[in-house]
Amino acid sequence: MLKIKFNSNTKKFDLYKETIENNEIKEVFKESLTHEEMNEKIKEYSAQISNITNNINIFYLAVQKYPSNQILKLE
């Protein structure tokens, strides 16, 4: 999971990646971003989410249109 903390000393947003190791949650520092850089990250992630959503919709429509008994196995 990605965590964001505002650093009042640097006036930047610190991004951390949260991982679980040996049943312990650990935060690993990723990067510090300015307000403008955070806006760019939000746009980037929004575009990625939109692309994933579009792909899921396409897959869903394909499954609805072609039931499993009509799909040919490729070998």
PDB file of N, CA and C in Angstrom:
ATOM      1  N   MET A   1       0.838  -1.163   0.000  1.00  0.00           N
ATOM      2  CA  MET A   1       0.000   0.000   0.000  1.00  0.00           C
ATOM      3  C   MET A   1       0.895   1.241   0.000  1.00  0.00           C
ATOM      4  N   LEU A   2       0.418   2.303  -0.616  1.00  0.00           N
ATOM      5  CA  LEU A   2       1.150   3.555  -0.658  1.00  0.00           C
ATOM      6  C   LEU A   2       0.621   4.481   0.430  1.00  0.00           C
ATOM      7  N   LYS A   3       1.515   5.052   1.214  1.00  0.00           N
ATOM      8  CA  LYS A   3       1.130   5.991   2.271  1.00  0.00           C
ATOM      9  C   LYS A   3       1.735   7.344   1.951  1.00  0.00           C
ATOM     10  N   ILE A   4       1.007   8.387   2.302  1.00  0.00           N
ATOM     11  CA  ILE A   4       1.474   9.746   2.052  1.00  0.00           C
ATOM     12  C   ILE A   4       1.440  10.513   3.365  1.00  0.00           C
ATOM     13  N   LYS A   5       2.546  11.185   3.663  1.00  0.00           N
ATOM     14  CA  LYS A   5       2.631  12.022   4.863  1.00  0.00           C
ATOM     15  C   LYS A   5       3.171  13.383   4.449  1.00  0.00           C
ATOM     16  N   PHE A   6       2.549  14.445   4.958  1.00  0.00           N
ATOM     17  CA  PHE A   6       3.060  15.782   4.670  1.00  0.00           C
ATOM     18  C   PHE A   6       4.174  16.108   5.651  1.00  0.00           C
ATOM     19  N   ASN A   7       5.322  16.514   5.127  1.00  0.00           N
ATOM     20  CA  ASN A   7       6.468  16.878   5.943  1.00  0.00           C
ATOM     21  C   ASN A   7       6.474  18.397   6.090  1.00  0.00           C
ATOM     22  N   SER A   8       6.130  18.880   7.269  1.00  0.00           N
ATOM     23  CA  SER A   8       6.028  20.333   7.479  1.00  0.00           C
ATOM     24  C   SER A   8       7.394  21.023   7.419  1.00  0.00           C
ATOM     25  N   ASN A   9       8.463  20.292   7.660  1.00  0.00           N
ATOM     26  CA  ASN A   9       9.804  20.888   7.594  1.00  0.00           C
ATOM     27  C   ASN A   9      10.213  21.179   6.155  1.00  0.00           C
ATOM     28  N   THR A  10       9.957  20.227   5.267  1.00  0.00           N
ATOM     29  CA  THR A  10      10.360  20.395   3.865  1.00  0.00           C
ATOM     30  C   THR A  10       9.231  20.944   3.004  1.00  0.00           C
ATOM     31  N   LYS A  11       8.005  20.978   3.546  1.00  0.00           N
ATOM     32  CA  LYS A  11       6.804  21.400   2.808  1.00  0.00           C
ATOM     33  C   LYS A  11       6.564  20.527   1.587  1.00  0.00           C
ATOM     34  N   LYS A  12       6.919  19.251   1.732  1.00  0.00           N
ATOM     35  CA  LYS A  12       6.714  18.286   0.652  1.00  0.00           C
ATOM     36  C   LYS A  12       5.916  17.098   1.168  1.00  0.00           C
ATOM     37  N   PHE A  13       5.370  16.354   0.232  1.00  0.00           N
ATOM     38  CA  PHE A  13       4.652  15.127   0.558  1.00  0.00           C
ATOM     39  C   PHE A  13       5.630  13.962   0.458  1.00  0.00           C
ATOM     40  N   ASP A  14       5.774  13.218   1.540  1.00  0.00           N
ATOM     41  CA  ASP A  14       6.657  12.047   1.550  1.00  0.00           C
ATOM     42  C   ASP A  14       5.815  10.810   1.250  1.00  0.00           C
ATOM     43  N   LEU A  15       6.226  10.071   0.250  1.00  0.00           N
ATOM     44  CA  LEU A  15       5.533   8.844  -0.121  1.00  0.00           C
ATOM     45  C   LEU A  15       6.289   7.652   0.434  1.00  0.00           C
ATOM     46  N   TYR A  16       5.543   6.731   1.030  1.00  0.00           N
ATOM     47  CA  TYR A  16       6.103   5.517   1.606  1.00  0.00           C
ATOM     48  C   TYR A  16       5.372   4.310   1.022  1.00  0.00           C
ATOM     49  N   LYS A  17       6.108   3.255   0.804  1.00  0.00           N
ATOM     50  CA  LYS A  17       5.492   1.992   0.407  1.00  0.00           C
ATOM     51  C   LYS A  17       5.428   1.121   1.647  1.00  0.00           C
ATOM     52  N   GLU A  18       4.223   0.654   1.946  1.00  0.00           N
ATOM     53  CA  GLU A  18       4.028  -0.178   3.135  1.00  0.00           C
ATOM     54  C   GLU A  18       4.087  -1.643   2.725  1.00  0.00           C
ATOM     55  N   THR A  19       4.939  -2.393   3.390  1.00  0.00           N
ATOM     56  CA  THR A  19       5.080  -3.823   3.102  1.00  0.00           C
ATOM     57  C   THR A  19       4.953  -4.622   4.399  1.00  0.00           C
ATOM     58  N   ILE A  20       4.696  -5.891   4.242  1.00  0.00           N
ATOM     59  CA  ILE A  20       4.633  -6.781   5.399  1.00  0.00           C
ATOM     60  C   ILE A  20       5.770  -7.795   5.281  1.00  0.00           C
ATOM     61  N   GLU A  21       6.622  -7.802   6.284  1.00  0.00           N
ATOM     62  CA  GLU A  21       7.744  -8.745   6.339  1.00  0.00           C
ATOM     63  C   GLU A  21       7.754  -9.391   7.719  1.00  0.00           C
ATOM     64  N   ASN A  22       7.776 -10.701   7.736  1.00  0.00           N
ATOM     65  CA  ASN A  22       7.781 -11.445   8.994  1.00  0.00           C
ATOM     66  C   ASN A  22       6.647 -10.986   9.915  1.00  0.00           C
ATOM     67  N   ASN A  23       5.479 -10.845   9.330  1.00  0.00           N
ATOM     68  CA  ASN A  23       4.269 -10.420  10.053  1.00  0.00           C
ATOM     69  C   ASN A  23       4.386  -9.032  10.677  1.00  0.00           C
ATOM     70  N   GLU A  24       5.305  -8.223  10.188  1.00  0.00           N
ATOM     71  CA  GLU A  24       5.460  -6.848  10.666  1.00  0.00           C
ATOM     72  C   GLU A  24       5.249  -5.891   9.499  1.00  0.00           C
ATOM     73  N   ILE A  25       4.504  -4.822   9.776  1.00  0.00           N
ATOM     74  CA  ILE A  25       4.293  -3.799   8.748  1.00  0.00           C
ATOM     75  C   ILE A  25       5.497  -2.863   8.750  1.00  0.00           C
ATOM     76  N   LYS A  26       6.098  -2.671   7.566  1.00  0.00           N
ATOM     77  CA  LYS A  26       7.253  -1.793   7.453  1.00  0.00           C
ATOM     78  C   LYS A  26       6.955  -0.727   6.415  1.00  0.00           C
ATOM     79  N   GLU A  27       7.399   0.492   6.699  1.00  0.00           N
ATOM     80  CA  GLU A  27       7.272   1.586   5.753  1.00  0.00           C
ATOM     81  C   GLU A  27       8.642   1.850   5.142  1.00  0.00           C
ATOM     82  N   VAL A  28       8.695   1.830   3.821  1.00  0.00           N
ATOM     83  CA  VAL A  28       9.936   2.099   3.118  1.00  0.00           C
ATOM     84  C   VAL A  28       9.760   3.412   2.367  1.00  0.00           C
ATOM     85  N   PHE A  29      10.660   4.362   2.615  1.00  0.00           N
ATOM     86  CA  PHE A  29      10.571   5.664   1.969  1.00  0.00           C
ATOM     87  C   PHE A  29      10.713   5.509   0.461  1.00  0.00           C
ATOM     88  N   LYS A  30       9.867   6.192  -0.276  1.00  0.00           N
ATOM     89  CA  LYS A  30       9.895   6.102  -1.727  1.00  0.00           C
ATOM     90  C   LYS A  30      10.402   7.398  -2.346  1.00  0.00           C
ATOM     91  N   GLU A  31       9.717   8.530  -2.066  1.00  0.00           N
ATOM     92  CA  GLU A  31      10.142   9.805  -2.627  1.00  0.00           C
ATOM     93  C   GLU A  31       9.410  10.954  -1.941  1.00  0.00           C
ATOM     94  N   SER A  32       9.961  12.163  -2.102  1.00  0.00           N
ATOM     95  CA  SER A  32       9.322  13.394  -1.626  1.00  0.00           C
ATOM     96  C   SER A  32       8.872  14.186  -2.838  1.00  0.00           C
ATOM     97  N   LEU A  33       7.641  14.702  -2.763  1.00  0.00           N
ATOM     98  CA  LEU A  33       7.093  15.426  -3.897  1.00  0.00           C
ATOM     99  C   LEU A  33       6.517  16.768  -3.469  1.00  0.00           C
ATOM    100  N   THR A  34       6.673  17.760  -4.339  1.00  0.00           N
ATOM    101  CA  THR A  34       6.055  19.056  -4.104  1.00  0.00           C
ATOM    102  C   THR A  34       4.565  18.943  -4.425  1.00  0.00           C
ATOM    103  N   HIS A  35       3.842  20.007  -4.138  1.00  0.00           N
ATOM    104  CA  HIS A  35       2.411  20.033  -4.416  1.00  0.00           C
ATOM    105  C   HIS A  35       2.157  19.806  -5.908  1.00  0.00           C
ATOM    106  N   GLU A  36       2.917  20.454  -6.762  1.00  0.00           N
ATOM    107  CA  GLU A  36       2.755  20.300  -8.209  1.00  0.00           C
ATOM    108  C   GLU A  36       3.073  18.873  -8.655  1.00  0.00           C
ATOM    109  N   GLU A  37       4.122  18.295  -8.084  1.00  0.00           N
ATOM    110  CA  GLU A  37       4.484  16.921  -8.426  1.00  0.00           C
ATOM    111  C   GLU A  37       3.413  15.935  -7.969  1.00  0.00           C
ATOM    112  N   MET A  38       2.786  16.223  -6.810  1.00  0.00           N
ATOM    113  CA  MET A  38       1.692  15.367  -6.334  1.00  0.00           C
ATOM    114  C   MET A  38       0.520  15.420  -7.302  1.00  0.00           C
ATOM    115  N   ASN A  39       0.203  16.611  -7.811  1.00  0.00           N
ATOM    116  CA  ASN A  39      -0.876  16.728  -8.791  1.00  0.00           C
ATOM    117  C   ASN A  39      -0.577  15.907 -10.037  1.00  0.00           C
ATOM    118  N   GLU A  40       0.676  15.896 -10.468  1.00  0.00           N
ATOM    119  CA  GLU A  40       1.060  15.090 -11.634  1.00  0.00           C
ATOM    120  C   GLU A  40       0.914  13.596 -11.336  1.00  0.00           C
ATOM    121  N   LYS A  41       1.300  13.176 -10.133  1.00  0.00           N
ATOM    122  CA  LYS A  41       1.154  11.765  -9.735  1.00  0.00           C
ATOM    123  C   LYS A  41      -0.318  11.370  -9.730  1.00  0.00           C
ATOM    124  N   ILE A  42      -1.168  12.258  -9.213  1.00  0.00           N
ATOM    125  CA  ILE A  42      -2.605  11.981  -9.179  1.00  0.00           C
ATOM    126  C   ILE A  42      -3.130  11.787 -10.595  1.00  0.00           C
ATOM    127  N   LYS A  43      -2.715  12.646 -11.522  1.00  0.00           N
ATOM    128  CA  LYS A  43      -3.142  12.514 -12.925  1.00  0.00           C
ATOM    129  C   LYS A  43      -2.647  11.197 -13.515  1.00  0.00           C
ATOM    130  N   GLU A  44      -1.398  10.850 -13.212  1.00  0.00           N
ATOM    131  CA  GLU A  44      -0.805   9.603 -13.718  1.00  0.00           C
ATOM    132  C   GLU A  44      -1.566   8.387 -13.192  1.00  0.00           C
ATOM    133  N   TYR A  45      -1.806   8.352 -11.875  1.00  0.00           N
ATOM    134  CA  TYR A  45      -2.527   7.229 -11.286  1.00  0.00           C
ATOM    135  C   TYR A  45      -3.964   7.166 -11.769  1.00  0.00           C
ATOM    136  N   SER A  46      -4.601   8.320 -11.963  1.00  0.00           N
ATOM    137  CA  SER A  46      -5.979   8.355 -12.469  1.00  0.00           C
ATOM    138  C   SER A  46      -6.045   7.765 -13.870  1.00  0.00           C
ATOM    139  N   ALA A  47      -5.065   8.088 -14.699  1.00  0.00           N
ATOM    140  CA  ALA A  47      -5.024   7.532 -16.064  1.00  0.00           C
ATOM    141  C   ALA A  47      -4.841   6.019 -16.011  1.00  0.00           C
ATOM    142  N   GLN A  48      -3.980   5.540 -15.108  1.00  0.00           N
ATOM    143  CA  GLN A  48      -3.763   4.097 -14.973  1.00  0.00           C
ATOM    144  C   GLN A  48      -5.039   3.406 -14.512  1.00  0.00           C
ATOM    145  N   ILE A  49      -5.731   3.997 -13.552  1.00  0.00           N
ATOM    146  CA  ILE A  49      -6.984   3.412 -13.058  1.00  0.00           C
ATOM    147  C   ILE A  49      -8.018   3.378 -14.167  1.00  0.00           C
ATOM    148  N   SER A  50      -8.079   4.440 -14.951  1.00  0.00           N
ATOM    149  CA  SER A  50      -9.031   4.496 -16.063  1.00  0.00           C
ATOM    150  C   SER A  50      -8.741   3.406 -17.084  1.00  0.00           C
ATOM    151  N   ASN A  51      -7.460   3.197 -17.402  1.00  0.00           N
ATOM    152  CA  ASN A  51      -7.077   2.144 -18.353  1.00  0.00           C
ATOM    153  C   ASN A  51      -7.435   0.759 -17.828  1.00  0.00           C
ATOM    154  N   ILE A  52      -7.182   0.524 -16.554  1.00  0.00           N
ATOM    155  CA  ILE A  52      -7.508  -0.773 -15.945  1.00  0.00           C
ATOM    156  C   ILE A  52      -9.018  -0.993 -15.970  1.00  0.00           C
ATOM    157  N   THR A  53      -9.775   0.055 -15.627  1.00  0.00           N
ATOM    158  CA  THR A  53     -11.236  -0.049 -15.640  1.00  0.00           C
ATOM    159  C   THR A  53     -11.748  -0.360 -17.042  1.00  0.00           C
ATOM    160  N   ASN A  54     -11.191   0.301 -18.038  1.00  0.00           N
ATOM    161  CA  ASN A  54     -11.595   0.039 -19.424  1.00  0.00           C
ATOM    162  C   ASN A  54     -11.302  -1.406 -19.814  1.00  0.00           C
ATOM    163  N   ASN A  55     -10.139  -1.909 -19.425  1.00  0.00           N
ATOM    164  CA  ASN A  55      -9.788  -3.304 -19.741  1.00  0.00           C
ATOM    165  C   ASN A  55     -10.737  -4.282 -19.063  1.00  0.00           C
ATOM    166  N   ILE A  56     -11.084  -4.019 -17.810  1.00  0.00           N
ATOM    167  CA  ILE A  56     -12.022  -4.892 -17.100  1.00  0.00           C
ATOM    168  C   ILE A  56     -13.365  -4.896 -17.817  1.00  0.00           C
ATOM    169  N   ASN A  57     -13.832  -3.741 -18.242  1.00  0.00           N
ATOM    170  CA  ASN A  57     -15.103  -3.660 -18.973  1.00  0.00           C
ATOM    171  C   ASN A  57     -15.055  -4.434 -20.282  1.00  0.00           C
ATOM    172  N   ILE A  58     -13.950  -4.339 -20.997  1.00  0.00           N
ATOM    173  CA  ILE A  58     -13.790  -5.079 -22.256  1.00  0.00           C
ATOM    174  C   ILE A  58     -13.810  -6.578 -21.984  1.00  0.00           C
ATOM    175  N   PHE A  59     -13.087  -7.021 -20.962  1.00  0.00           N
ATOM    176  CA  PHE A  59     -13.066  -8.450 -20.615  1.00  0.00           C
ATOM    177  C   PHE A  59     -14.453  -8.930 -20.215  1.00  0.00           C
ATOM    178  N   TYR A  60     -15.162  -8.127 -19.435  1.00  0.00           N
ATOM    179  CA  TYR A  60     -16.502  -8.484 -18.995  1.00  0.00           C
ATOM    180  C   TYR A  60     -17.432  -8.649 -20.200  1.00  0.00           C
ATOM    181  N   LEU A  61     -17.380  -7.700 -21.128  1.00  0.00           N
ATOM    182  CA  LEU A  61     -18.220  -7.787 -22.325  1.00  0.00           C
ATOM    183  C   LEU A  61     -17.870  -9.001 -23.173  1.00  0.00           C
ATOM    184  N   ALA A  62     -16.581  -9.310 -23.258  1.00  0.00           N
ATOM    185  CA  ALA A  62     -16.154 -10.484 -24.035  1.00  0.00           C
ATOM    186  C   ALA A  62     -16.692 -11.758 -23.404  1.00  0.00           C
ATOM    187  N   VAL A  63     -16.649 -11.852 -22.086  1.00  0.00           N
ATOM    188  CA  VAL A  63     -17.140 -13.040 -21.392  1.00  0.00           C
ATOM    189  C   VAL A  63     -18.651 -13.167 -21.581  1.00  0.00           C
ATOM    190  N   GLN A  64     -19.353 -12.040 -21.559  1.00  0.00           N
ATOM    191  CA  GLN A  64     -20.802 -12.073 -21.752  1.00  0.00           C
ATOM    192  C   GLN A  64     -21.170 -12.480 -23.175  1.00  0.00           C
ATOM    193  N   LYS A  65     -20.375 -12.019 -24.135  1.00  0.00           N
ATOM    194  CA  LYS A  65     -20.673 -12.294 -25.546  1.00  0.00           C
ATOM    195  C   LYS A  65     -20.284 -13.718 -25.943  1.00  0.00           C
ATOM    196  N   TYR A  66     -19.204 -14.210 -25.385  1.00  0.00           N
ATOM    197  CA  TYR A  66     -18.702 -15.541 -25.738  1.00  0.00           C
ATOM    198  C   TYR A  66     -18.675 -16.426 -24.510  1.00  0.00           C
ATOM    199  N   PRO A  67     -19.725 -17.188 -24.229  1.00  0.00           N
ATOM    200  CA  PRO A  67     -19.744 -18.096 -23.072  1.00  0.00           C
ATOM    201  C   PRO A  67     -18.612 -19.117 -23.146  1.00  0.00           C
ATOM    202  N   SER A  68     -18.281 -19.678 -22.009  1.00  0.00           N
ATOM    203  CA  SER A  68     -17.131 -20.575 -21.932  1.00  0.00           C
ATOM    204  C   SER A  68     -17.256 -21.785 -22.848  1.00  0.00           C
ATOM    205  N   ASN A  69     -18.469 -22.229 -23.159  1.00  0.00           N
ATOM    206  CA  ASN A  69     -18.593 -23.398 -24.030  1.00  0.00           C
ATOM    207  C   ASN A  69     -18.336 -23.051 -25.502  1.00  0.00           C
ATOM    208  N   GLN A  70     -18.170 -21.778 -25.806  1.00  0.00           N
ATOM    209  CA  GLN A  70     -17.877 -21.372 -27.192  1.00  0.00           C
ATOM    210  C   GLN A  70     -16.429 -20.968 -27.407  1.00  0.00           C
ATOM    211  N   ILE A  71     -15.658 -20.954 -26.340  1.00  0.00           N
ATOM    212  CA  ILE A  71     -14.259 -20.524 -26.460  1.00  0.00           C
ATOM    213  C   ILE A  71     -13.403 -21.712 -26.865  1.00  0.00           C
ATOM    214  N   LEU A  72     -12.602 -21.509 -27.898  1.00  0.00           N
ATOM    215  CA  LEU A  72     -11.721 -22.571 -28.384  1.00  0.00           C
ATOM    216  C   LEU A  72     -10.410 -22.561 -27.587  1.00  0.00           C
ATOM    217  N   LYS A  73      -9.881 -23.726 -27.302  1.00  0.00           N
ATOM    218  CA  LYS A  73      -8.606 -23.824 -26.620  1.00  0.00           C
ATOM    219  C   LYS A  73      -7.495 -23.652 -27.635  1.00  0.00           C
ATOM    220  N   LEU A  74      -6.534 -22.817 -27.295  1.00  0.00           N
ATOM    221  CA  LEU A  74      -5.371 -22.615 -28.151  1.00  0.00           C
ATOM    222  C   LEU A  74      -4.220 -23.431 -27.585  1.00  0.00           C
ATOM    223  N   GLU A  75      -3.581 -24.178 -28.431  1.00  0.00           N
ATOM    224  CA  GLU A  75      -2.463 -25.010 -27.974  1.00  0.00           C
ATOM    225  C   GLU A  75      -1.217 -24.657 -28.744  1.00  0.00           C
TER     226      GLU A  75
END
